[in-house]
Protein backbone atom coordinates (compact mmCIF):
# COMPACT_ATOMS: atom_id res chain seq x y z
CA MET A 1 0.21 -0.08 -0.04
CA LYS A 2 2.77 2.34 0.67
CA LYS A 3 4.18 1.70 -2.90
CA ILE A 4 0.74 2.81 -4.45
CA LEU A 5 0.87 5.65 -2.49
CA TYR A 6 4.38 6.73 -3.05
CA PHE A 7 3.66 5.83 -7.11
CA ALA A 8 0.78 8.16 -6.40
CA LEU A 9 2.07 11.02 -5.19
CA ALA A 10 5.34 10.71 -7.48
CA ILE A 11 2.76 11.05 -10.60
CA GLY A 12 1.09 13.88 -8.90
CA GLY A 13 4.25 15.76 -8.26
CA LEU A 14 5.00 15.30 -12.15
CA ALA A 15 1.76 16.70 -13.12
CA LEU A 16 2.35 20.03 -10.79
CA ILE A 17 6.09 20.44 -11.56
CA THR A 18 5.73 20.34 -15.41
CA PRO A 19 2.46 21.44 -16.45
CA LYS A 20 3.75 23.76 -19.37
CA GLU A 21 5.40 21.03 -20.99
CA SER A 22 2.25 18.53 -21.20
CA SER A 23 0.17 21.89 -21.66
CA ALA A 24 -1.04 21.80 -25.41
CA GLN A 25 -1.06 25.70 -25.91
CA HIS A 26 2.54 25.69 -24.70
CA ARG A 27 4.17 23.01 -26.71
CA GLY A 28 7.55 24.59 -27.97
CA ASN A 29 9.61 26.66 -26.39
CA ASP A 30 9.61 30.13 -24.82
CA ARG A 31 11.98 31.81 -28.12
CA GLU A 32 9.42 30.98 -30.17
CA TRP A 33 6.45 33.13 -27.44
CA LYS A 34 9.16 35.53 -27.41
CA HIS A 35 8.72 36.01 -31.31
CA ASP A 36 5.34 36.27 -31.65
CA LYS A 37 5.19 38.90 -29.24
CA GLU A 38 7.87 40.76 -31.45
CA TYR A 39 6.03 40.00 -34.50
CA ARG A 40 3.17 41.59 -33.08
CA LYS A 41 4.10 44.55 -32.22
CA TYR A 42 5.76 45.07 -35.67
CA GLU A 43 2.53 44.02 -37.01
CA GLU A 44 1.14 46.73 -34.54
CA LYS A 45 3.51 49.26 -35.66
CA ARG A 46 3.35 48.84 -39.51
CA ASP A 47 -0.29 49.31 -39.34
CA LYS A 48 0.20 52.37 -37.19
CA GLU A 49 2.35 53.40 -40.09
CA GLU A 50 -0.20 52.65 -43.14
CA ARG A 51 -3.12 53.87 -41.47
CA LYS A 52 -0.79 57.29 -41.28
CA TYR A 53 -0.24 57.04 -44.91
CA TRP A 54 -3.51 56.60 -45.84
CA GLU A 55 -4.82 59.02 -43.82
CA LYS A 56 -2.32 61.66 -45.30
CA ARG A 57 -3.25 60.43 -48.80
CA GLU A 58 -6.68 60.62 -48.17
CA LYS A 59 -6.16 64.46 -46.65
CA GLU A 60 -4.19 65.81 -49.62
CA GLU A 61 -6.92 63.88 -52.34
CA ARG A 62 -9.68 65.69 -50.36
CA LYS A 63 -7.88 69.05 -50.69
CA HIS A 64 -7.23 68.69 -54.43
CA TYR A 65 -11.15 67.72 -55.02
CA ASN A 66 -12.06 70.77 -53.30
CA LYS A 67 -9.52 72.67 -55.07
CA VAL A 68 -10.91 71.77 -58.72
CA ALA A 69 -14.46 71.36 -57.28
CA LYS A 70 -14.33 75.42 -56.33
CA ARG A 71 -12.51 76.35 -60.02
CA TYR A 72 -15.31 74.28 -61.49
CA ARG A 73 -18.07 75.65 -59.57
CA LYS A 74 -15.98 79.04 -60.98
CA GLU A 75 -15.43 78.70 -64.67
CA TYR A 76 -18.79 76.14 -65.85
CA ARG A 77 -22.44 77.82 -65.59
CA HIS A 78 -25.00 75.43 -64.64
CA GLY A 79 -28.62 75.76 -65.72
CA PRO A 80 -29.97 77.55 -69.07
CA PRO A 81 -28.14 80.06 -70.91
CA ALA A 82 -28.07 83.76 -70.49
CA TRP A 83 -30.48 84.83 -73.63
CA ALA A 84 -32.81 81.40 -72.42
CA ARG A 85 -35.20 83.97 -70.61
CA ALA A 86 -35.56 86.33 -73.39
CA HIS A 87 -36.97 83.58 -75.64
CA ARG A 88 -38.95 81.67 -72.47
CA TYR A 89 -37.05 78.86 -73.20
CA ASP A 90 -36.76 75.82 -70.52
CA ASN A 91 -33.65 74.01 -71.37
CA ARG A 92 -36.04 70.99 -72.67
CA HIS A 93 -35.03 71.05 -76.31
CA HIS A 94 -32.43 71.97 -78.65
CA VAL A 95 -32.08 75.36 -80.52
CA TYR A 96 -31.34 76.06 -83.98
CA PHE A 97 -30.36 80.29 -84.29
CA ARG A 98 -31.40 80.49 -88.48
CA ASP A 99 -29.11 83.18 -89.10
CA TYR A 100 -26.21 81.71 -87.97
CA LYS A 101 -26.61 78.10 -88.48
CA THR A 102 -25.62 77.07 -85.27
CA PHE A 103 -27.58 75.00 -82.43
CA TYR A 104 -27.43 75.06 -78.93
CA ASP A 105 -27.41 71.81 -77.16
CA PRO A 106 -28.91 71.54 -73.79
CA TYR A 107 -27.47 67.86 -73.33
CA ARG A 108 -23.99 69.07 -73.50
CA ASN A 109 -24.58 72.50 -72.83
CA GLY A 110 -22.60 73.99 -75.52
CA TYR A 111 -23.36 75.22 -78.90
CA VAL A 112 -22.36 72.97 -82.27
CA TYR A 113 -21.58 74.79 -85.06
CA MET A 114 -20.52 74.84 -89.12
CA ARG A 115 -16.91 75.65 -89.16
CA ASN A 116 -14.83 74.50 -92.80
CA GLY A 117 -17.80 72.96 -93.72
CA ARG A 118 -17.37 70.55 -90.63
CA TRP A 119 -19.55 70.61 -87.34
CA SER A 120 -17.90 72.05 -84.45
CA PHE A 121 -18.65 71.97 -80.88
CA SER A 122 -17.83 74.76 -78.09
CA ALA A 123 -18.77 75.17 -74.48
CA SER A 124 -19.05 78.86 -74.53
CA VAL A 125 -20.85 81.29 -77.45
CA PRO A 126 -18.47 81.05 -80.99
CA SER A 127 -16.55 83.50 -81.65
CA PHE A 128 -18.39 84.76 -84.41
CA MET A 129 -21.22 85.52 -82.17
CA LEU A 130 -19.76 87.16 -79.58
CA ASN A 131 -21.17 90.63 -80.66
CA VAL A 132 -24.63 89.16 -81.18
CA ASN A 133 -27.74 89.98 -78.54
CA LEU A 134 -28.92 86.65 -78.54
CA GLY A 135 -31.77 87.95 -76.67
CA SER A 136 -32.89 89.03 -79.49
CA ALA A 137 -31.84 86.68 -82.50
CA ASN A 138 -34.00 84.42 -84.25
CA ILE A 139 -34.14 80.76 -83.15
CA ARG A 140 -35.96 77.78 -84.00
CA VAL A 141 -36.63 75.50 -80.78
CA VAL A 142 -35.96 72.02 -82.43
CA LYS A 143 -38.65 69.44 -80.62
CA ASP A 144 -38.52 66.48 -83.45
CA VAL A 145 -34.70 65.87 -82.31
CA PRO A 146 -34.56 63.80 -78.68
CA ILE A 147 -32.69 65.85 -76.40
CA SER A 148 -30.20 62.86 -75.75
CA ARG A 149 -28.94 62.61 -79.63
CA HIS A 150 -26.63 65.63 -81.24
CA PRO A 151 -28.99 67.87 -83.41
CA GLU A 152 -26.30 68.49 -86.27
CA ASP A 153 -26.87 64.45 -87.10
CA PHE A 154 -30.36 65.44 -88.20
CA TYR A 155 -29.52 69.12 -89.99
CA ASP A 156 -29.81 67.16 -93.65
CA ASP A 157 -33.89 65.99 -92.53
CA TYR A 158 -34.91 68.99 -91.69
CA ARG A 159 -35.62 72.19 -93.95
CA TRP A 160 -33.99 74.87 -90.95
CA ASP A 161 -34.18 77.78 -93.06
């Protein structure tokens, strides 16, 4: 009986003395755990630097976007042109200026005119119409051509003058 008691105490003592080696989570030596801690620190540092980089880049992109948007708002007018009120024009159809063989295209927000036998597009009033009072110019509102189509493509199909 004493032998069994000594044997049980010896096994119990061994179990208490060496729990690290017998545990499944602590297999291997302590150097691997130290390496894991260092690697986690390295990952955290790298992630922090990466976040800083992306925050800085996002800030620069926002700054650039705001600068471009501000310039865009200054340079480009949205809505009907200045002469539209005089003709009670509502920006829903193409307009043809008969005397100048020029279309106003509200879909592209610009003017299409014949130059050297070809159609040209200009976002602003063409140079030959700069000194013309477009509010009193002879126009024709073109309701037959869909607004998403280019009016110059239909020039030959209609009698404009």
